[in-house]
Amino acid sequence: MPKMKSNSGAAKRFSKTGSGKWKRNNAFGQHILTKKSPKRKRNIRGSELVARSDAKALTRLIPGL
């Protein structure tokens, strides 16, 4: 049986933490930044953890990690 292929787009966007949770970057931070407040842009800059309900689907998309 061949190896499972991971979704390369998902593999670039998500990474696993040391405790096994999934980490992601926030959206809306790449362009049209002039109308966004400094506080909003600051909060977008960081990363967040993926919700537990979505993490199950990620393990199917990225089986190697």
N, C-alpha and C. Protein backbone atom coordinates (compact mmCIF):
# COMPACT_ATOMS: atom_id res chain seq x y z
N MET A 1 0.84 -1.19 0.00
CA MET A 1 0.00 0.00 0.00
C MET A 1 0.89 1.25 0.00
N PRO A 2 0.60 2.22 -0.89
CA PRO A 2 1.47 3.40 -0.97
C PRO A 2 1.29 4.33 0.23
N LYS A 3 2.26 5.22 0.37
CA LYS A 3 2.19 6.21 1.45
C LYS A 3 1.05 7.18 1.19
N MET A 4 0.50 7.74 2.26
CA MET A 4 -0.55 8.75 2.11
C MET A 4 0.10 10.08 1.77
N LYS A 5 -0.46 10.80 0.82
CA LYS A 5 0.05 12.12 0.47
C LYS A 5 -0.58 13.15 1.39
N SER A 6 0.25 14.07 1.89
CA SER A 6 -0.30 15.15 2.69
C SER A 6 -0.71 16.28 1.76
N ASN A 7 -1.69 17.06 2.18
CA ASN A 7 -2.12 18.22 1.43
C ASN A 7 -1.05 19.29 1.59
N SER A 8 -0.32 19.59 0.52
CA SER A 8 0.84 20.48 0.64
C SER A 8 0.44 21.89 1.00
N GLY A 9 -0.76 22.34 0.57
CA GLY A 9 -1.22 23.68 0.95
C GLY A 9 -1.48 23.77 2.44
N ALA A 10 -2.07 22.73 3.00
CA ALA A 10 -2.34 22.71 4.44
C ALA A 10 -1.05 22.56 5.23
N ALA A 11 -0.10 21.80 4.71
CA ALA A 11 1.16 21.58 5.41
C ALA A 11 1.94 22.88 5.55
N LYS A 12 1.80 23.80 4.58
CA LYS A 12 2.49 25.08 4.66
C LYS A 12 1.81 26.03 5.64
N ARG A 13 0.53 25.87 5.87
CA ARG A 13 -0.23 26.82 6.68
C ARG A 13 -0.33 26.45 8.16
N PHE A 14 -0.19 25.18 8.47
CA PHE A 14 -0.39 24.73 9.85
C PHE A 14 0.86 24.02 10.35
N SER A 15 1.11 24.14 11.65
CA SER A 15 2.22 23.41 12.26
C SER A 15 1.75 22.90 13.62
N LYS A 16 2.44 21.88 14.10
CA LYS A 16 2.07 21.28 15.37
C LYS A 16 2.92 21.85 16.49
N THR A 17 2.32 22.08 17.65
CA THR A 17 3.05 22.55 18.81
C THR A 17 3.65 21.35 19.54
N GLY A 18 4.41 21.63 20.57
CA GLY A 18 5.03 20.56 21.34
C GLY A 18 4.01 19.69 22.05
N SER A 19 2.88 20.28 22.43
CA SER A 19 1.86 19.52 23.15
C SER A 19 0.90 18.79 22.20
N GLY A 20 1.12 18.93 20.88
CA GLY A 20 0.30 18.21 19.91
C GLY A 20 -0.88 18.99 19.37
N LYS A 21 -1.01 20.26 19.75
CA LYS A 21 -2.09 21.09 19.20
C LYS A 21 -1.63 21.70 17.88
N TRP A 22 -2.59 22.16 17.10
CA TRP A 22 -2.29 22.76 15.80
C TRP A 22 -2.23 24.28 15.92
N LYS A 23 -1.25 24.88 15.25
CA LYS A 23 -1.07 26.33 15.27
C LYS A 23 -1.35 26.88 13.88
N ARG A 24 -1.94 28.07 13.83
CA ARG A 24 -2.25 28.70 12.54
C ARG A 24 -1.99 30.19 12.63
N ASN A 25 -1.85 30.83 11.48
CA ASN A 25 -1.72 32.28 11.44
C ASN A 25 -3.10 32.90 11.25
N ASN A 26 -3.24 34.16 11.67
CA ASN A 26 -4.51 34.86 11.52
C ASN A 26 -4.68 35.35 10.10
N ALA A 27 -5.93 35.48 9.68
CA ALA A 27 -6.25 35.97 8.34
C ALA A 27 -6.37 37.49 8.35
N PHE A 28 -6.51 38.07 7.18
CA PHE A 28 -6.78 39.50 6.96
C PHE A 28 -5.60 40.41 7.27
N GLY A 29 -4.38 39.91 7.23
CA GLY A 29 -3.25 40.75 7.57
C GLY A 29 -2.30 41.05 6.44
N GLN A 30 -2.68 40.74 5.19
CA GLN A 30 -1.74 40.88 4.08
C GLN A 30 -1.90 42.17 3.28
N HIS A 31 -3.11 42.64 3.09
CA HIS A 31 -3.31 43.83 2.25
C HIS A 31 -4.51 44.62 2.75
N ILE A 32 -4.70 45.80 2.15
CA ILE A 32 -5.75 46.76 2.55
C ILE A 32 -5.63 47.04 4.06
N LEU A 33 -4.42 47.40 4.48
CA LEU A 33 -4.16 47.63 5.90
C LEU A 33 -4.41 49.08 6.31
N THR A 34 -4.64 49.97 5.35
CA THR A 34 -4.78 51.39 5.69
C THR A 34 -6.06 51.65 6.48
N LYS A 35 -7.10 50.92 6.19
CA LYS A 35 -8.38 51.17 6.88
C LYS A 35 -8.51 50.41 8.19
N LYS A 36 -7.55 49.53 8.49
CA LYS A 36 -7.61 48.76 9.73
C LYS A 36 -6.89 49.52 10.84
N SER A 37 -7.45 49.45 12.03
CA SER A 37 -6.88 50.19 13.16
C SER A 37 -5.57 49.53 13.60
N PRO A 38 -4.69 50.30 14.25
CA PRO A 38 -3.43 49.72 14.72
C PRO A 38 -3.64 48.55 15.68
N LYS A 39 -4.64 48.64 16.53
CA LYS A 39 -4.92 47.56 17.47
C LYS A 39 -5.31 46.28 16.72
N ARG A 40 -6.13 46.44 15.68
CA ARG A 40 -6.56 45.27 14.90
C ARG A 40 -5.38 44.64 14.17
N LYS A 41 -4.50 45.48 13.61
CA LYS A 41 -3.34 44.96 12.91
C LYS A 41 -2.37 44.26 13.86
N ARG A 42 -2.24 44.76 15.07
CA ARG A 42 -1.40 44.13 16.08
C ARG A 42 -1.90 42.75 16.44
N ASN A 43 -3.22 42.64 16.60
CA ASN A 43 -3.81 41.35 16.96
C ASN A 43 -3.72 40.34 15.83
N ILE A 44 -3.79 40.81 14.59
CA ILE A 44 -3.69 39.93 13.43
C ILE A 44 -2.28 39.34 13.33
N ARG A 45 -1.28 40.09 13.79
CA ARG A 45 0.10 39.70 13.64
C ARG A 45 0.44 38.36 14.30
N GLY A 46 -0.19 38.07 15.40
CA GLY A 46 0.13 36.85 16.14
C GLY A 46 -0.46 35.61 15.51
N SER A 47 -0.24 34.49 16.19
CA SER A 47 -0.81 33.23 15.72
C SER A 47 -1.77 32.70 16.78
N GLU A 48 -2.62 31.77 16.37
CA GLU A 48 -3.61 31.19 17.27
C GLU A 48 -3.60 29.69 17.13
N LEU A 49 -4.28 29.03 18.06
CA LEU A 49 -4.43 27.59 17.99
C LEU A 49 -5.71 27.26 17.22
N VAL A 50 -5.68 26.17 16.49
CA VAL A 50 -6.84 25.71 15.74
C VAL A 50 -7.85 25.13 16.74
N ALA A 51 -9.13 25.37 16.49
CA ALA A 51 -10.18 24.84 17.36
C ALA A 51 -10.14 23.32 17.35
N ARG A 52 -10.51 22.74 18.50
CA ARG A 52 -10.46 21.27 18.61
C ARG A 52 -11.36 20.59 17.60
N SER A 53 -12.49 21.23 17.26
CA SER A 53 -13.41 20.62 16.30
C SER A 53 -12.81 20.56 14.90
N ASP A 54 -11.90 21.48 14.56
CA ASP A 54 -11.26 21.49 13.25
C ASP A 54 -9.97 20.68 13.22
N ALA A 55 -9.41 20.40 14.38
CA ALA A 55 -8.11 19.72 14.43
C ALA A 55 -8.20 18.30 13.90
N LYS A 56 -9.35 17.67 14.05
CA LYS A 56 -9.52 16.30 13.57
C LYS A 56 -9.37 16.23 12.05
N ALA A 57 -9.91 17.22 11.35
CA ALA A 57 -9.80 17.25 9.89
C ALA A 57 -8.36 17.48 9.46
N LEU A 58 -7.59 18.24 10.26
CA LEU A 58 -6.19 18.51 9.90
C LEU A 58 -5.34 17.25 9.96
N THR A 59 -5.64 16.37 10.89
CA THR A 59 -4.85 15.14 10.98
C THR A 59 -5.06 14.27 9.73
N ARG A 60 -6.20 14.42 9.08
CA ARG A 60 -6.42 13.68 7.83
C ARG A 60 -5.70 14.35 6.67
N LEU A 61 -5.63 15.71 6.69
CA LEU A 61 -4.97 16.43 5.60
C LEU A 61 -3.45 16.31 5.67
N ILE A 62 -2.93 16.26 6.91
CA ILE A 62 -1.48 16.22 7.09
C ILE A 62 -1.15 14.99 7.95
N PRO A 63 -1.14 13.81 7.36
CA PRO A 63 -0.95 12.60 8.16
C PRO A 63 0.47 12.43 8.71
N GLY A 64 1.48 13.04 8.08
CA GLY A 64 2.85 12.82 8.49
C GLY A 64 3.23 13.49 9.80
N LEU A 65 2.55 14.57 10.15
CA LEU A 65 2.93 15.31 11.36
C LEU A 65 2.29 14.77 12.60
